[in-house]
Amino acid sequence: MIALAGAGGPTRPRGYDPRRAVPDEAVGMAEQQTGDGEPLDRRLADAIERLGHGLRSLAQRTAREHGLTPLQQQAVLALSRHPSVRREVSALAAEFDVTTPTMSDAISALERKDLITRSPGPDGRRRLLTLTPTGADIARQLQPWDGPLLAALDATPKPDQATTLHTLLNAIAVLQRQNVVRLMRTCTSCRFFARDTYEDPAAPHHCNLLRLPLPLADLRTDCPEHEPA
C-alpha cells in the first residue's frame, strides 16, 4: 500500500525512476524523434548547411593560394572535368547559379592570367573555352582542395556513404523540380533513370541508357550522358 501525503497525492516508492515507468523502446523512439528538440530532418538540414560553410572556407583558402577567386577556381575545375559540356560562359553561369555577366568577368580574368583561352566554335558564333597548359596545371594543383572532407568521409563505412549519396541526390532532384537549385547532371534527375526497379536494397534502380542496374554506390553526380527528365 502506498501512503498518501496529505493533499499532495500519492508518494513514490524509494528509488523510483520516472524514466523506468516508460518502456525502453518508447524512450528510444522519443529520443530519436526529438533529439535536441528539433525534428530529424531539421537537424540533417543544419548539418548540411554547416558542411557548406566549411566547404566555402576551404574553397576560399585554396583559391587565394593560387591568386584566384572561388568562382574562378570553380570555372577552372569545371573545365578540367567533362569540358565538352562546359565550354561556354552561359553553361558555366547556369551551373554555378550566377549571372552570365558575372561569369564572363571571371573568365576574362582567367584569360588575363593565361589560364583559359576562347576560340570560335564550329558555327563561327559561339566562343568555346579551353584550359591552357598553365590552366591545366593549376587545375591539377586545385584538385585536392576538398581533401579534408574526403578524408572525413573515407572514415565512414562504404554502405553508409552509398546511402547518404542516395539521400542527397534524391533531395537534389526534388529541389531541381521546384526550381530551387539549377539543373545538375545527376542520375536521379535524368530521363534514363528508372527508380525502384529491383528488390536489391543495394542496387534498386536501373539505367535505361546503360541497360544495367544502378547500385547506390555507383550513382553519378556529374554524368556527361545526362538528359533532363
Protein backbone atom coordinates (compact mmCIF):
# COMPACT_ATOMS: atom_id res chain seq x y z
CA MET A 1 0.00 0.00 0.00
CA ILE A 2 1.36 3.45 -0.98
CA ALA A 3 0.77 6.03 1.75
CA LEU A 4 -0.86 9.35 0.91
CA ALA A 5 0.97 12.55 1.78
CA GLY A 6 -1.81 14.98 2.60
CA ALA A 7 -3.38 16.71 -0.42
CA GLY A 8 -0.24 16.31 -2.50
CA GLY A 9 -1.27 12.92 -3.86
CA PRO A 10 0.49 9.59 -3.59
CA THR A 11 4.14 9.45 -2.69
CA ARG A 12 6.54 7.45 -4.88
CA PRO A 13 8.40 4.40 -3.60
CA ARG A 14 12.01 4.85 -2.59
CA GLY A 15 14.34 4.56 -5.61
CA TYR A 16 11.55 5.39 -8.08
CA ASP A 17 12.89 6.44 -11.51
CA PRO A 18 10.24 8.04 -13.75
CA ARG A 19 12.19 7.01 -16.87
CA ARG A 20 11.65 3.36 -15.98
CA ALA A 21 7.89 3.92 -15.97
CA VAL A 22 8.07 4.11 -19.81
CA PRO A 23 9.18 1.09 -21.85
CA ASP A 24 12.74 1.34 -23.14
CA GLU A 25 11.50 1.09 -26.74
CA ALA A 26 9.25 4.12 -26.29
CA VAL A 27 12.06 6.13 -24.71
CA GLY A 28 14.35 5.31 -27.64
CA MET A 29 11.73 6.32 -30.18
CA ALA A 30 11.07 9.59 -28.39
CA GLU A 31 14.76 10.43 -28.23
CA GLN A 32 15.17 9.63 -31.93
CA GLN A 33 12.23 11.85 -32.83
CA THR A 34 13.03 14.85 -30.65
CA GLY A 35 16.85 14.76 -30.41
CA ASP A 36 17.87 18.25 -29.28
CA GLY A 37 14.29 19.43 -29.54
CA GLU A 38 14.43 19.61 -33.35
CA PRO A 39 12.99 17.12 -35.87
CA LEU A 40 15.47 14.82 -37.57
CA ASP A 41 15.03 16.46 -40.98
CA ARG A 42 15.77 19.88 -39.44
CA ARG A 43 18.97 18.59 -37.83
CA LEU A 44 20.02 16.96 -41.11
CA ALA A 45 19.48 20.26 -42.96
CA ASP A 46 21.53 22.07 -40.31
CA ALA A 47 24.37 19.56 -40.71
CA ILE A 48 24.37 20.03 -44.50
CA GLU A 49 24.42 23.80 -44.03
CA ARG A 50 27.45 23.55 -41.73
CA LEU A 51 29.22 21.37 -44.28
CA GLY A 52 28.51 24.05 -46.85
CA HIS A 53 30.13 26.70 -44.64
CA GLY A 54 33.20 24.51 -44.22
CA LEU A 55 33.48 23.84 -47.95
CA ARG A 56 33.23 27.54 -48.75
CA SER A 57 36.05 28.21 -46.30
CA LEU A 58 38.21 25.52 -47.93
CA ALA A 59 37.44 26.88 -51.41
CA GLN A 60 38.37 30.42 -50.41
CA ARG A 61 41.63 29.24 -48.89
CA THR A 62 42.83 27.24 -51.89
CA ALA A 63 41.65 29.86 -54.38
CA ARG A 64 43.54 32.56 -52.51
CA GLU A 65 46.71 30.44 -52.51
CA HIS A 66 46.59 30.41 -56.33
CA GLY A 67 45.60 34.04 -56.78
CA LEU A 68 42.04 33.18 -57.78
CA THR A 69 38.55 33.93 -56.56
CA PRO A 70 36.34 30.98 -55.57
CA LEU A 71 34.30 31.43 -58.76
CA GLN A 72 37.43 31.44 -60.91
CA GLN A 73 38.57 28.27 -59.15
CA GLN A 74 35.20 26.62 -59.85
CA ALA A 75 35.48 27.52 -63.55
CA VAL A 76 38.99 26.07 -63.86
CA LEU A 77 37.98 22.84 -62.13
CA ALA A 78 34.78 22.55 -64.16
CA LEU A 79 36.66 22.87 -67.45
CA SER A 80 39.04 20.15 -66.32
CA ARG A 81 36.12 17.73 -65.79
CA HIS A 82 33.92 16.84 -68.76
CA PRO A 83 34.97 20.01 -70.62
CA SER A 84 32.78 19.26 -73.66
CA VAL A 85 29.58 20.22 -71.81
CA ARG A 86 31.04 23.28 -70.12
CA ARG A 87 32.87 25.15 -72.84
CA GLU A 88 30.61 28.20 -72.91
CA VAL A 89 30.26 31.06 -70.46
CA SER A 90 26.48 30.59 -70.33
CA ALA A 91 26.86 26.90 -69.39
CA LEU A 92 29.22 27.73 -66.53
CA ALA A 93 26.95 30.54 -65.35
CA ALA A 94 23.98 28.17 -65.21
CA GLU A 95 25.99 25.50 -63.40
CA PHE A 96 27.18 27.83 -60.65
CA ASP A 97 23.94 29.82 -60.46
CA VAL A 98 25.45 33.22 -61.30
CA THR A 99 24.57 35.71 -63.99
CA THR A 100 26.24 35.45 -67.38
CA PRO A 101 27.97 38.86 -66.96
CA THR A 102 29.40 37.73 -63.60
CA MET A 103 30.80 34.54 -65.11
CA SER A 104 32.06 36.46 -68.15
CA ASP A 105 34.06 38.74 -65.82
CA ALA A 106 35.57 35.69 -64.10
CA ILE A 107 36.51 34.14 -67.45
CA SER A 108 38.06 37.40 -68.64
CA ALA A 109 40.22 37.48 -65.52
CA LEU A 110 41.32 33.88 -66.17
CA GLU A 111 42.22 34.84 -69.75
CA ARG A 112 44.43 37.65 -68.46
CA LYS A 113 46.14 35.12 -66.20
CA ASP A 114 46.74 32.84 -69.21
CA LEU A 115 44.68 30.03 -67.71
CA ILE A 116 41.86 29.96 -70.28
CA THR A 117 41.53 30.73 -73.99
CA ARG A 118 38.42 31.42 -76.06
CA SER A 119 38.15 30.14 -79.61
CA PRO A 120 35.36 30.20 -82.22
CA GLY A 121 33.04 27.22 -82.23
CA PRO A 122 32.16 25.15 -85.31
CA ASP A 123 29.29 27.53 -86.13
CA GLY A 124 31.64 30.53 -86.05
CA ARG A 125 29.48 32.33 -83.47
CA ARG A 126 29.96 30.66 -80.11
CA ARG A 127 33.14 31.24 -78.17
CA LEU A 128 34.37 27.98 -76.66
CA LEU A 129 36.53 27.87 -73.53
CA THR A 130 39.65 25.74 -73.19
CA LEU A 131 42.25 25.47 -70.44
CA THR A 132 45.75 26.49 -71.44
CA PRO A 133 48.66 24.22 -70.41
CA THR A 134 49.17 26.55 -67.44
CA GLY A 135 45.47 26.35 -66.63
CA ALA A 136 45.53 22.55 -66.79
CA ASP A 137 48.48 22.52 -64.40
CA ILE A 138 46.65 24.84 -61.99
CA ALA A 139 43.58 22.57 -62.20
CA ARG A 140 45.71 19.59 -61.13
CA GLN A 141 47.01 21.59 -58.18
CA LEU A 142 43.46 22.58 -57.21
CA GLN A 143 42.05 19.03 -57.37
CA PRO A 144 42.64 18.20 -53.68
CA TRP A 145 41.00 21.43 -52.43
CA ASP A 146 38.32 19.42 -50.59
CA GLY A 147 40.76 16.85 -49.22
CA PRO A 148 39.76 17.33 -45.54
CA LEU A 149 36.14 16.49 -46.36
CA LEU A 150 37.14 13.45 -48.43
CA ALA A 151 39.32 12.21 -45.57
CA ALA A 152 36.43 12.57 -43.13
CA LEU A 153 34.07 10.70 -45.48
CA ASP A 154 36.63 7.96 -46.06
CA ALA A 155 36.33 7.05 -42.37
CA THR A 156 32.63 6.30 -42.91
CA PRO A 157 31.67 2.72 -43.92
CA LYS A 158 31.04 2.41 -47.66
CA PRO A 159 27.41 1.27 -47.28
CA ASP A 160 26.70 4.37 -45.18
CA GLN A 161 28.38 6.55 -47.82
CA ALA A 162 26.21 5.00 -50.54
CA THR A 163 23.01 5.53 -48.54
CA THR A 164 23.96 9.15 -47.83
CA LEU A 165 24.72 9.76 -51.51
CA HIS A 166 21.33 8.31 -52.45
CA THR A 167 19.53 10.50 -49.92
CA LEU A 168 21.26 13.69 -51.03
CA LEU A 169 20.69 13.02 -54.74
CA ASN A 170 17.00 12.40 -54.07
CA ALA A 171 16.81 15.74 -52.25
CA ILE A 172 18.63 17.49 -55.10
CA ALA A 173 16.21 16.02 -57.65
CA VAL A 174 13.22 17.30 -55.67
CA LEU A 175 14.76 20.78 -55.34
CA GLN A 176 15.52 20.85 -59.07
CA ARG A 177 11.87 20.12 -59.88
CA GLN A 178 10.92 23.01 -57.60
CA ASN A 179 13.47 25.30 -59.33
CA VAL A 180 15.27 25.82 -56.03
CA VAL A 181 18.60 24.61 -57.45
CA ARG A 182 19.82 24.71 -61.02
CA LEU A 183 19.96 21.61 -63.15
CA MET A 184 22.67 19.14 -62.17
CA ARG A 185 23.70 16.10 -64.19
CA THR A 186 22.73 13.57 -61.53
CA CYS A 187 21.25 10.12 -62.02
CA THR A 188 18.09 10.93 -60.09
CA SER A 189 17.22 13.87 -62.38
CA CYS A 190 17.91 12.02 -65.65
CA ARG A 191 15.31 10.69 -68.08
CA PHE A 192 17.18 7.37 -68.27
CA PHE A 193 16.81 6.80 -64.52
CA ALA A 194 14.26 4.15 -63.52
CA ARG A 195 13.57 4.22 -59.81
CA ASP A 196 12.99 1.15 -57.62
CA THR A 197 13.18 -1.41 -60.40
CA TYR A 198 14.81 -4.16 -58.34
CA GLU A 199 14.33 -5.59 -54.87
CA ASP A 200 18.03 -5.43 -54.00
CA PRO A 201 18.33 -2.53 -51.50
CA ALA A 202 21.95 -2.00 -52.52
CA ALA A 203 21.04 -1.70 -56.23
CA PRO A 204 17.34 -0.84 -56.51
CA HIS A 205 17.43 1.42 -59.59
CA HIS A 206 18.05 0.93 -63.31
CA CYS A 207 19.79 2.99 -66.02
CA ASN A 208 17.92 2.73 -69.31
CA LEU A 209 20.89 4.16 -71.20
CA LEU A 210 23.41 1.62 -69.92
CA ARG A 211 20.69 -1.03 -69.57
CA LEU A 212 22.16 -2.01 -66.23
CA PRO A 213 21.15 -1.97 -62.57
CA LEU A 214 22.37 1.07 -60.64
CA PRO A 215 23.95 0.28 -57.26
CA LEU A 216 23.59 3.16 -54.82
CA ALA A 217 27.37 3.40 -54.65
CA ASP A 218 27.52 3.98 -58.44
CA LEU A 219 25.03 6.85 -58.64
CA ARG A 220 26.60 9.76 -60.51
CA THR A 221 26.67 13.40 -59.52
CA ASP A 222 28.02 14.64 -62.85
CA CYS A 223 27.17 12.37 -65.78
CA PRO A 224 28.18 13.57 -69.28
CA GLU A 225 25.35 11.49 -70.82
CA HIS A 226 22.72 13.13 -68.59
CA GLU A 227 19.47 14.22 -70.19
CA PRO A 228 16.93 16.10 -68.05
CA ALA A 229 13.84 14.14 -67.07
